[in-house]
Amino acid sequence: MLTTLQKARILVGAGIRIPAFPGPHPMVDDPQESRGRGRLPLHEPAAEASLTPEMKAWTQAVEALHVEFVAARAARSLRQSHEADMVHRLRAVNAREPVQRPARRPGLR
């Protein structure tokens, strides 16, 4: 199971804006993260820090954004898989020779 900080890093890496991390912690000073995407601590915050209302709000926001991100990624993957399957089927149908209808026998309708 991923920690909230790991989820936040995944979101930042995917280009999703996250709320600013509350509290004084040594921050990652990555140029990519400092472009308004939010700065994250180097290490997991202490357990007593997660009891603050600001930290709870940040955790809930990151968790909600991560759930939304994972659901969107799963939906996109499913859509791409379905599209690839349809393309494969269409190519298979087009590759076959045309089907000849059997000649009608006289007297049959």
C-alpha atoms as a PDB file:
ATOM      1  CA  MET A   1       0.000   0.000   0.000  1.00  0.00           C
ATOM      2  CA  LEU A   2       1.300   3.429  -0.901  1.00  0.00           C
ATOM      3  CA  THR A   3       1.805   6.177   1.639  1.00  0.00           C
ATOM      4  CA  THR A   4       0.172   9.549   1.118  1.00  0.00           C
ATOM      5  CA  LEU A   5       3.545  11.060   0.310  1.00  0.00           C
ATOM      6  CA  GLN A   6       4.169   8.413  -2.371  1.00  0.00           C
ATOM      7  CA  LYS A   7       0.724   9.112  -3.839  1.00  0.00           C
ATOM      8  CA  ALA A   8       1.504  12.829  -3.844  1.00  0.00           C
ATOM      9  CA  ARG A   9       4.760  12.185  -5.695  1.00  0.00           C
ATOM     10  CA  ILE A  10       2.930  10.071  -8.292  1.00  0.00           C
ATOM     11  CA  LEU A  11       0.405  12.865  -8.822  1.00  0.00           C
ATOM     12  CA  VAL A  12       3.142  15.498  -9.131  1.00  0.00           C
ATOM     13  CA  GLY A  13       5.003  13.281 -11.596  1.00  0.00           C
ATOM     14  CA  ALA A  14       1.841  12.959 -13.677  1.00  0.00           C
ATOM     15  CA  GLY A  15       1.517  16.750 -13.801  1.00  0.00           C
ATOM     16  CA  ILE A  16      -1.438  17.018 -11.445  1.00  0.00           C
ATOM     17  CA  ARG A  17      -1.522  19.995  -9.105  1.00  0.00           C
ATOM     18  CA  ILE A  18      -1.723  19.102  -5.450  1.00  0.00           C
ATOM     19  CA  PRO A  19      -2.290  21.338  -2.437  1.00  0.00           C
ATOM     20  CA  ALA A  20       0.787  22.792  -0.764  1.00  0.00           C
ATOM     21  CA  PHE A  21       2.226  20.555   1.930  1.00  0.00           C
ATOM     22  CA  PRO A  22       1.508  22.000   5.395  1.00  0.00           C
ATOM     23  CA  GLY A  23       4.128  22.378   8.053  1.00  0.00           C
ATOM     24  CA  PRO A  24       7.865  22.950   8.270  1.00  0.00           C
ATOM     25  CA  HIS A  25       9.701  19.985   6.767  1.00  0.00           C
ATOM     26  CA  PRO A  26      12.867  19.737   4.678  1.00  0.00           C
ATOM     27  CA  MET A  27      11.444  20.045   1.179  1.00  0.00           C
ATOM     28  CA  VAL A  28      12.455  18.509  -2.084  1.00  0.00           C
ATOM     29  CA  ASP A  29      13.740  21.328  -4.212  1.00  0.00           C
ATOM     30  CA  ASP A  30      13.150  19.762  -7.581  1.00  0.00           C
ATOM     31  CA  PRO A  31      12.776  22.330 -10.395  1.00  0.00           C
ATOM     32  CA  GLN A  32       9.875  20.316 -11.799  1.00  0.00           C
ATOM     33  CA  GLU A  33       8.012  20.459  -8.495  1.00  0.00           C
ATOM     34  CA  SER A  34       8.780  24.108  -7.833  1.00  0.00           C
ATOM     35  CA  ARG A  35       6.841  25.196 -10.950  1.00  0.00           C
ATOM     36  CA  GLY A  36       3.650  25.618  -8.941  1.00  0.00           C
ATOM     37  CA  ARG A  37       2.911  21.927  -8.605  1.00  0.00           C
ATOM     38  CA  GLY A  38       3.655  21.843  -4.898  1.00  0.00           C
ATOM     39  CA  ARG A  39       6.745  21.035  -2.893  1.00  0.00           C
ATOM     40  CA  LEU A  40       6.913  17.792  -0.959  1.00  0.00           C
ATOM     41  CA  PRO A  41       8.946  16.773   2.081  1.00  0.00           C
ATOM     42  CA  LEU A  42      12.025  14.604   1.698  1.00  0.00           C
ATOM     43  CA  HIS A  43      10.765  12.049   4.238  1.00  0.00           C
ATOM     44  CA  GLU A  44       7.453  10.898   5.616  1.00  0.00           C
ATOM     45  CA  PRO A  45       6.231  13.298   8.303  1.00  0.00           C
ATOM     46  CA  ALA A  46       6.191  12.089  11.896  1.00  0.00           C
ATOM     47  CA  ALA A  47       3.023  10.417  13.141  1.00  0.00           C
ATOM     48  CA  GLU A  48       2.229  13.281  15.519  1.00  0.00           C
ATOM     49  CA  ALA A  49       2.353  15.722  12.579  1.00  0.00           C
ATOM     50  CA  SER A  50      -0.461  13.840  10.863  1.00  0.00           C
ATOM     51  CA  LEU A  51      -2.790  14.733  13.744  1.00  0.00           C
ATOM     52  CA  THR A  52      -2.989  18.404  12.823  1.00  0.00           C
ATOM     53  CA  PRO A  53      -6.131  19.577  11.002  1.00  0.00           C
ATOM     54  CA  GLU A  54      -4.024  20.985   8.151  1.00  0.00           C
ATOM     55  CA  MET A  55      -2.252  17.661   7.676  1.00  0.00           C
ATOM     56  CA  LYS A  56      -5.555  15.761   7.756  1.00  0.00           C
ATOM     57  CA  ALA A  57      -7.005  18.096   5.120  1.00  0.00           C
ATOM     58  CA  TRP A  58      -3.893  17.704   2.935  1.00  0.00           C
ATOM     59  CA  THR A  59      -3.999  13.900   3.308  1.00  0.00           C
ATOM     60  CA  GLN A  60      -7.686  13.765   2.376  1.00  0.00           C
ATOM     61  CA  ALA A  61      -7.122  15.994  -0.655  1.00  0.00           C
ATOM     62  CA  VAL A  62      -4.184  13.911  -1.894  1.00  0.00           C
ATOM     63  CA  GLU A  63      -6.082  10.655  -1.314  1.00  0.00           C
ATOM     64  CA  ALA A  64      -9.091  11.962  -3.276  1.00  0.00           C
ATOM     65  CA  LEU A  65      -6.895  13.185  -6.143  1.00  0.00           C
ATOM     66  CA  HIS A  66      -5.086   9.843  -6.259  1.00  0.00           C
ATOM     67  CA  VAL A  67      -8.333   7.859  -6.383  1.00  0.00           C
ATOM     68  CA  GLU A  68      -9.544  10.063  -9.235  1.00  0.00           C
ATOM     69  CA  PHE A  69      -6.198   9.685 -11.048  1.00  0.00           C
ATOM     70  CA  VAL A  70      -6.182   5.885 -10.717  1.00  0.00           C
ATOM     71  CA  ALA A  71      -9.796   5.616 -11.894  1.00  0.00           C
ATOM     72  CA  ALA A  72      -9.092   7.828 -14.916  1.00  0.00           C
ATOM     73  CA  ARG A  73      -5.963   5.831 -15.765  1.00  0.00           C
ATOM     74  CA  ALA A  74      -7.887   2.535 -15.519  1.00  0.00           C
ATOM     75  CA  ALA A  75     -10.691   3.896 -17.719  1.00  0.00           C
ATOM     76  CA  ARG A  76      -8.160   5.125 -20.290  1.00  0.00           C
ATOM     77  CA  SER A  77      -6.422   1.746 -20.293  1.00  0.00           C
ATOM     78  CA  LEU A  78      -9.730  -0.064 -20.762  1.00  0.00           C
ATOM     79  CA  ARG A  79     -10.693   2.277 -23.604  1.00  0.00           C
ATOM     80  CA  GLN A  80      -7.336   1.769 -25.337  1.00  0.00           C
ATOM     81  CA  SER A  81      -7.633  -1.994 -24.961  1.00  0.00           C
ATOM     82  CA  HIS A  82     -11.129  -1.959 -26.451  1.00  0.00           C
ATOM     83  CA  GLU A  83      -9.986   0.227 -29.356  1.00  0.00           C
ATOM     84  CA  ALA A  84      -7.018  -2.063 -30.045  1.00  0.00           C
ATOM     85  CA  ASP A  85      -9.321  -5.083 -30.006  1.00  0.00           C
ATOM     86  CA  MET A  86     -11.703  -3.431 -32.469  1.00  0.00           C
ATOM     87  CA  VAL A  87      -8.849  -2.482 -34.805  1.00  0.00           C
ATOM     88  CA  HIS A  88      -7.542  -6.058 -34.648  1.00  0.00           C
ATOM     89  CA  ARG A  89     -10.983  -7.452 -35.493  1.00  0.00           C
ATOM     90  CA  LEU A  90     -11.501  -5.027 -38.371  1.00  0.00           C
ATOM     91  CA  ARG A  91      -8.114  -5.872 -39.836  1.00  0.00           C
ATOM     92  CA  ALA A  92      -8.869  -9.592 -39.528  1.00  0.00           C
ATOM     93  CA  VAL A  93     -12.202  -9.154 -41.316  1.00  0.00           C
ATOM     94  CA  ASN A  94     -10.627  -7.053 -44.077  1.00  0.00           C
ATOM     95  CA  ALA A  95      -7.816  -9.562 -44.580  1.00  0.00           C
ATOM     96  CA  ARG A  96     -10.193 -12.396 -45.424  1.00  0.00           C
ATOM     97  CA  GLU A  97     -11.265 -13.047 -48.973  1.00  0.00           C
ATOM     98  CA  PRO A  98     -14.768 -11.950 -49.875  1.00  0.00           C
ATOM     99  CA  VAL A  99     -17.378 -14.527 -49.017  1.00  0.00           C
ATOM    100  CA  GLN A 100     -19.181 -15.954 -52.039  1.00  0.00           C
ATOM    101  CA  ARG A 101     -22.845 -16.642 -51.589  1.00  0.00           C
ATOM    102  CA  PRO A 102     -23.828 -20.147 -52.691  1.00  0.00           C
ATOM    103  CA  ALA A 103     -25.577 -20.350 -56.057  1.00  0.00           C
ATOM    104  CA  ARG A 104     -29.334 -20.716 -55.829  1.00  0.00           C
ATOM    105  CA  ARG A 105     -30.733 -24.008 -56.842  1.00  0.00           C
ATOM    106  CA  PRO A 106     -33.597 -23.894 -59.265  1.00  0.00           C
ATOM    107  CA  GLY A 107     -36.980 -24.219 -57.622  1.00  0.00           C
ATOM    108  CA  LEU A 108     -35.877 -22.940 -54.204  1.00  0.00           C
ATOM    109  CA  ARG A 109     -36.597 -19.508 -52.966  1.00  0.00           C
END
